Amino acid sequence: MVFGFAATTPPATSLALAHYPGIAGTASALPGTARFAFGGPAAPLVGLALASTVLATAAFW
């Protein structure tokens, strides 16, 4: 699943930004910033909630 996500995200981002060359840098930085902004707080929550099961990982994926 991670391989598929990693393989499709760059082309999808490029296709989405192709029509907006003036703001492409800002727009491409936004998903990366959001990934770290939400991923950082989610990591301890997964550790606190049901750490022994796969349910917590699935809930925050």
PDB file of N, CA and C in Angstrom:
ATOM      1  N   MET A   1       0.825  -1.181   0.000  1.00  0.00           N
ATOM      2  CA  MET A   1       0.000   0.000   0.000  1.00  0.00           C
ATOM      3  C   MET A   1       0.875   1.253   0.000  1.00  0.00           C
ATOM      4  N   VAL A   2       1.921   1.248   0.799  1.00  0.00           N
ATOM      5  CA  VAL A   2       2.806   2.410   0.855  1.00  0.00           C
ATOM      6  C   VAL A   2       3.522   2.597  -0.481  1.00  0.00           C
ATOM      7  N   PHE A   3       3.911   1.478  -1.114  1.00  0.00           N
ATOM      8  CA  PHE A   3       4.564   1.575  -2.421  1.00  0.00           C
ATOM      9  C   PHE A   3       3.634   2.241  -3.431  1.00  0.00           C
ATOM     10  N   GLY A   4       2.379   1.859  -3.440  1.00  0.00           N
ATOM     11  CA  GLY A   4       1.417   2.459  -4.366  1.00  0.00           C
ATOM     12  C   GLY A   4       1.217   3.938  -4.107  1.00  0.00           C
ATOM     13  N   PHE A   5       1.160   4.300  -2.838  1.00  0.00           N
ATOM     14  CA  PHE A   5       1.009   5.706  -2.483  1.00  0.00           C
ATOM     15  C   PHE A   5       2.227   6.506  -2.921  1.00  0.00           C
ATOM     16  N   ALA A   6       3.409   5.960  -2.674  1.00  0.00           N
ATOM     17  CA  ALA A   6       4.644   6.655  -3.047  1.00  0.00           C
ATOM     18  C   ALA A   6       4.816   6.741  -4.556  1.00  0.00           C
ATOM     19  N   ALA A   7       4.306   5.759  -5.277  1.00  0.00           N
ATOM     20  CA  ALA A   7       4.448   5.756  -6.729  1.00  0.00           C
ATOM     21  C   ALA A   7       3.440   6.668  -7.416  1.00  0.00           C
ATOM     22  N   THR A   8       2.295   6.914  -6.801  1.00  0.00           N
ATOM     23  CA  THR A   8       1.262   7.714  -7.466  1.00  0.00           C
ATOM     24  C   THR A   8       1.207   9.165  -7.017  1.00  0.00           C
ATOM     25  N   THR A   9       1.728   9.481  -5.852  1.00  0.00           N
ATOM     26  CA  THR A   9       1.638  10.853  -5.355  1.00  0.00           C
ATOM     27  C   THR A   9       2.400  11.866  -6.211  1.00  0.00           C
ATOM     28  N   PRO A  10       3.659  11.637  -6.581  1.00  0.00           N
ATOM     29  CA  PRO A  10       4.356  12.642  -7.397  1.00  0.00           C
ATOM     30  C   PRO A  10       3.690  12.922  -8.756  1.00  0.00           C
ATOM     31  N   PRO A  11       3.306  11.898  -9.530  1.00  0.00           N
ATOM     32  CA  PRO A  11       2.642  12.222 -10.799  1.00  0.00           C
ATOM     33  C   PRO A  11       1.294  12.903 -10.599  1.00  0.00           C
ATOM     34  N   ALA A  12       0.557  12.506  -9.575  1.00  0.00           N
ATOM     35  CA  ALA A  12      -0.739  13.138  -9.325  1.00  0.00           C
ATOM     36  C   ALA A  12      -0.567  14.607  -8.952  1.00  0.00           C
ATOM     37  N   THR A  13       0.436  14.900  -8.141  1.00  0.00           N
ATOM     38  CA  THR A  13       0.704  16.292  -7.775  1.00  0.00           C
ATOM     39  C   THR A  13       1.119  17.097  -8.989  1.00  0.00           C
ATOM     40  N   SER A  14       1.966  16.538  -9.826  1.00  0.00           N
ATOM     41  CA  SER A  14       2.403  17.240 -11.037  1.00  0.00           C
ATOM     42  C   SER A  14       1.234  17.532 -11.963  1.00  0.00           C
ATOM     43  N   LEU A  15       0.367  16.565 -12.139  1.00  0.00           N
ATOM     44  CA  LEU A  15      -0.802  16.771 -12.989  1.00  0.00           C
ATOM     45  C   LEU A  15      -1.740  17.825 -12.412  1.00  0.00           C
ATOM     46  N   ALA A  16      -1.913  17.825 -11.106  1.00  0.00           N
ATOM     47  CA  ALA A  16      -2.797  18.794 -10.474  1.00  0.00           C
ATOM     48  C   ALA A  16      -2.244  20.214 -10.567  1.00  0.00           C
ATOM     49  N   LEU A  17      -0.925  20.354 -10.528  1.00  0.00           N
ATOM     50  CA  LEU A  17      -0.316  21.689 -10.548  1.00  0.00           C
ATOM     51  C   LEU A  17       0.021  22.190 -11.943  1.00  0.00           C
ATOM     52  N   ALA A  18      -0.161  21.379 -12.951  1.00  0.00           N
ATOM     53  CA  ALA A  18       0.217  21.762 -14.313  1.00  0.00           C
ATOM     54  C   ALA A  18      -0.530  22.995 -14.800  1.00  0.00           C
ATOM     55  N   HIS A  19      -1.735  23.191 -14.326  1.00  0.00           N
ATOM     56  CA  HIS A  19      -2.537  24.331 -14.787  1.00  0.00           C
ATOM     57  C   HIS A  19      -2.278  25.615 -13.996  1.00  0.00           C
ATOM     58  N   TYR A  20      -1.467  25.540 -12.945  1.00  0.00           N
ATOM     59  CA  TYR A  20      -1.195  26.697 -12.091  1.00  0.00           C
ATOM     60  C   TYR A  20       0.302  26.890 -11.901  1.00  0.00           C
ATOM     61  N   PRO A  21       1.028  27.232 -12.948  1.00  0.00           N
ATOM     62  CA  PRO A  21       2.490  27.347 -12.817  1.00  0.00           C
ATOM     63  C   PRO A  21       2.934  28.493 -11.919  1.00  0.00           C
ATOM     64  N   GLY A  22       2.114  29.515 -11.763  1.00  0.00           N
ATOM     65  CA  GLY A  22       2.496  30.663 -10.940  1.00  0.00           C
ATOM     66  C   GLY A  22       2.541  30.365  -9.451  1.00  0.00           C
ATOM     67  N   ILE A  23       1.749  29.412  -9.001  1.00  0.00           N
ATOM     68  CA  ILE A  23       1.712  29.097  -7.575  1.00  0.00           C
ATOM     69  C   ILE A  23       2.097  27.648  -7.308  1.00  0.00           C
ATOM     70  N   ALA A  24       2.781  27.034  -8.246  1.00  0.00           N
ATOM     71  CA  ALA A  24       3.116  25.608  -8.126  1.00  0.00           C
ATOM     72  C   ALA A  24       3.986  25.316  -6.910  1.00  0.00           C
ATOM     73  N   GLY A  25       4.942  26.166  -6.608  1.00  0.00           N
ATOM     74  CA  GLY A  25       5.819  25.921  -5.462  1.00  0.00           C
ATOM     75  C   GLY A  25       5.067  25.962  -4.149  1.00  0.00           C
ATOM     76  N   THR A  26       4.231  26.969  -3.985  1.00  0.00           N
ATOM     77  CA  THR A  26       3.440  27.093  -2.765  1.00  0.00           C
ATOM     78  C   THR A  26       2.444  25.949  -2.641  1.00  0.00           C
ATOM     79  N   ALA A  27       1.789  25.638  -3.744  1.00  0.00           N
ATOM     80  CA  ALA A  27       0.776  24.585  -3.711  1.00  0.00           C
ATOM     81  C   ALA A  27       1.393  23.207  -3.479  1.00  0.00           C
ATOM     82  N   SER A  28       2.576  22.959  -3.976  1.00  0.00           N
ATOM     83  CA  SER A  28       3.197  21.653  -3.754  1.00  0.00           C
ATOM     84  C   SER A  28       3.755  21.532  -2.339  1.00  0.00           C
ATOM     85  N   ALA A  29       4.048  22.649  -1.688  1.00  0.00           N
ATOM     86  CA  ALA A  29       4.531  22.612  -0.310  1.00  0.00           C
ATOM     87  C   ALA A  29       3.398  22.338   0.678  1.00  0.00           C
ATOM     88  N   LEU A  30       2.185  22.672   0.306  1.00  0.00           N
ATOM     89  CA  LEU A  30       1.054  22.512   1.220  1.00  0.00           C
ATOM     90  C   LEU A  30       0.792  21.062   1.620  1.00  0.00           C
ATOM     91  N   PRO A  31       0.745  20.100   0.702  1.00  0.00           N
ATOM     92  CA  PRO A  31       0.531  18.715   1.143  1.00  0.00           C
ATOM     93  C   PRO A  31       1.656  18.174   2.029  1.00  0.00           C
ATOM     94  N   GLY A  32       2.882  18.563   1.761  1.00  0.00           N
ATOM     95  CA  GLY A  32       3.988  18.121   2.602  1.00  0.00           C
ATOM     96  C   GLY A  32       3.888  18.693   4.008  1.00  0.00           C
ATOM     97  N   THR A  33       3.523  19.951   4.096  1.00  0.00           N
ATOM     98  CA  THR A  33       3.347  20.585   5.400  1.00  0.00           C
ATOM     99  C   THR A  33       2.200  19.933   6.157  1.00  0.00           C
ATOM    100  N   ALA A  34       1.106  19.669   5.458  1.00  0.00           N
ATOM    101  CA  ALA A  34      -0.046  19.037   6.107  1.00  0.00           C
ATOM    102  C   ALA A  34       0.298  17.632   6.584  1.00  0.00           C
ATOM    103  N   ARG A  35       1.092  16.916   5.816  1.00  0.00           N
ATOM    104  CA  ARG A  35       1.482  15.553   6.204  1.00  0.00           C
ATOM    105  C   ARG A  35       2.225  15.570   7.539  1.00  0.00           C
ATOM    106  N   PHE A  36       3.161  16.500   7.695  1.00  0.00           N
ATOM    107  CA  PHE A  36       3.910  16.571   8.948  1.00  0.00           C
ATOM    108  C   PHE A  36       3.074  17.175  10.071  1.00  0.00           C
ATOM    109  N   ALA A  37       2.221  18.148   9.756  1.00  0.00           N
ATOM    110  CA  ALA A  37       1.399  18.793  10.781  1.00  0.00           C
ATOM    111  C   ALA A  37       0.397  17.822  11.391  1.00  0.00           C
ATOM    112  N   PHE A  38      -0.161  16.932  10.593  1.00  0.00           N
ATOM    113  CA  PHE A  38      -1.126  15.971  11.115  1.00  0.00           C
ATOM    114  C   PHE A  38      -0.449  14.675  11.563  1.00  0.00           C
ATOM    115  N   GLY A  39       0.655  14.317  10.950  1.00  0.00           N
ATOM    116  CA  GLY A  39       1.345  13.084  11.303  1.00  0.00           C
ATOM    117  C   GLY A  39       2.024  13.151  12.657  1.00  0.00           C
ATOM    118  N   GLY A  40       2.556  14.307  12.997  1.00  0.00           N
ATOM    119  CA  GLY A  40       3.223  14.464  14.294  1.00  0.00           C
ATOM    120  C   GLY A  40       2.287  14.239  15.465  1.00  0.00           C
ATOM    121  N   PRO A  41       1.166  14.926  15.531  1.00  0.00           N
ATOM    122  CA  PRO A  41       0.234  14.690  16.643  1.00  0.00           C
ATOM    123  C   PRO A  41      -0.443  13.313  16.584  1.00  0.00           C
ATOM    124  N   ALA A  42      -0.588  12.741  15.401  1.00  0.00           N
ATOM    125  CA  ALA A  42      -1.270  11.444  15.292  1.00  0.00           C
ATOM    126  C   ALA A  42      -0.429  10.305  15.856  1.00  0.00           C
ATOM    127  N   ALA A  43       0.884  10.411  15.779  1.00  0.00           N
ATOM    128  CA  ALA A  43       1.754   9.323  16.239  1.00  0.00           C
ATOM    129  C   ALA A  43       1.558   8.991  17.722  1.00  0.00           C
ATOM    130  N   PRO A  44       1.568   9.957  18.630  1.00  0.00           N
ATOM    131  CA  PRO A  44       1.330   9.598  20.031  1.00  0.00           C
ATOM    132  C   PRO A  44      -0.096   9.108  20.278  1.00  0.00           C
ATOM    133  N   LEU A  45      -1.048   9.619  19.511  1.00  0.00           N
ATOM    134  CA  LEU A  45      -2.428   9.163  19.684  1.00  0.00           C
ATOM    135  C   LEU A  45      -2.560   7.686  19.329  1.00  0.00           C
ATOM    136  N   VAL A  46      -1.882   7.279  18.285  1.00  0.00           N
ATOM    137  CA  VAL A  46      -1.896   5.867  17.915  1.00  0.00           C
ATOM    138  C   VAL A  46      -1.232   5.040  19.010  1.00  0.00           C
ATOM    139  N   GLY A  47      -0.167   5.549  19.588  1.00  0.00           N
ATOM    140  CA  GLY A  47       0.514   4.833  20.654  1.00  0.00           C
ATOM    141  C   GLY A  47      -0.328   4.701  21.918  1.00  0.00           C
ATOM    142  N   LEU A  48      -1.141   5.721  22.191  1.00  0.00           N
ATOM    143  CA  LEU A  48      -1.974   5.680  23.391  1.00  0.00           C
ATOM    144  C   LEU A  48      -3.237   4.841  23.199  1.00  0.00           C
ATOM    145  N   ALA A  49      -3.772   4.859  22.001  1.00  0.00           N
ATOM    146  CA  ALA A  49      -5.043   4.177  21.745  1.00  0.00           C
ATOM    147  C   ALA A  49      -4.791   2.822  21.103  1.00  0.00           C
ATOM    148  N   LEU A  50      -5.083   1.787  21.804  1.00  0.00           N
ATOM    149  CA  LEU A  50      -5.037   0.431  21.251  1.00  0.00           C
ATOM    150  C   LEU A  50      -3.703   0.084  20.602  1.00  0.00           C
ATOM    151  N   ALA A  51      -2.625   0.344  21.290  1.00  0.00           N
ATOM    152  CA  ALA A  51      -1.303   0.122  20.723  1.00  0.00           C
ATOM    153  C   ALA A  51      -1.030  -1.340  20.399  1.00  0.00           C
ATOM    154  N   SER A  52      -1.767  -2.235  20.989  1.00  0.00           N
ATOM    155  CA  SER A  52      -1.503  -3.652  20.752  1.00  0.00           C
ATOM    156  C   SER A  52      -2.295  -4.224  19.573  1.00  0.00           C
ATOM    157  N   THR A  53      -3.115  -3.409  18.950  1.00  0.00           N
ATOM    158  CA  THR A  53      -3.914  -3.904  17.826  1.00  0.00           C
ATOM    159  C   THR A  53      -3.644  -3.087  16.574  1.00  0.00           C
ATOM    160  N   VAL A  54      -4.116  -3.562  15.479  1.00  0.00           N
ATOM    161  CA  VAL A  54      -3.971  -2.878  14.199  1.00  0.00           C
ATOM    162  C   VAL A  54      -5.053  -1.798  14.050  1.00  0.00           C
ATOM    163  N   LEU A  55      -6.063  -1.840  14.888  1.00  0.00           N
ATOM    164  CA  LEU A  55      -7.172  -0.889  14.795  1.00  0.00           C
ATOM    165  C   LEU A  55      -6.705   0.559  14.897  1.00  0.00           C
ATOM    166  N   ALA A  56      -5.800   0.852  15.786  1.00  0.00           N
ATOM    167  CA  ALA A  56      -5.329   2.229  15.949  1.00  0.00           C
ATOM    168  C   ALA A  56      -4.614   2.713  14.701  1.00  0.00           C
ATOM    169  N   THR A  57      -3.795   1.877  14.133  1.00  0.00           N
ATOM    170  CA  THR A  57      -3.092   2.244  12.906  1.00  0.00           C
ATOM    171  C   THR A  57      -4.077   2.481  11.776  1.00  0.00           C
ATOM    172  N   ALA A  58      -5.063   1.643  11.653  1.00  0.00           N
ATOM    173  CA  ALA A  58      -6.068   1.791  10.600  1.00  0.00           C
ATOM    174  C   ALA A  58      -6.899   3.045  10.815  1.00  0.00           C
ATOM    175  N   ALA A  59      -7.198   3.377  12.049  1.00  0.00           N
ATOM    176  CA  ALA A  59      -8.030   4.552  12.341  1.00  0.00           C
ATOM    177  C   ALA A  59      -7.321   5.848  11.990  1.00  0.00           C
ATOM    178  N   PHE A  60      -6.013   5.899  12.175  1.00  0.00           N
ATOM    179  CA  PHE A  60      -5.275   7.131  11.913  1.00  0.00           C
ATOM    180  C   PHE A  60      -4.589   7.143  10.566  1.00  0.00           C
ATOM    181  N   TRP A  61      -4.750   6.108   9.774  1.00  0.00           N
ATOM    182  CA  TRP A  61      -4.095   6.052   8.468  1.00  0.00           C
ATOM    183  C   TRP A  61      -4.773   7.017   7.583  1.00  0.00           C
TER     184      TRP A  61
END
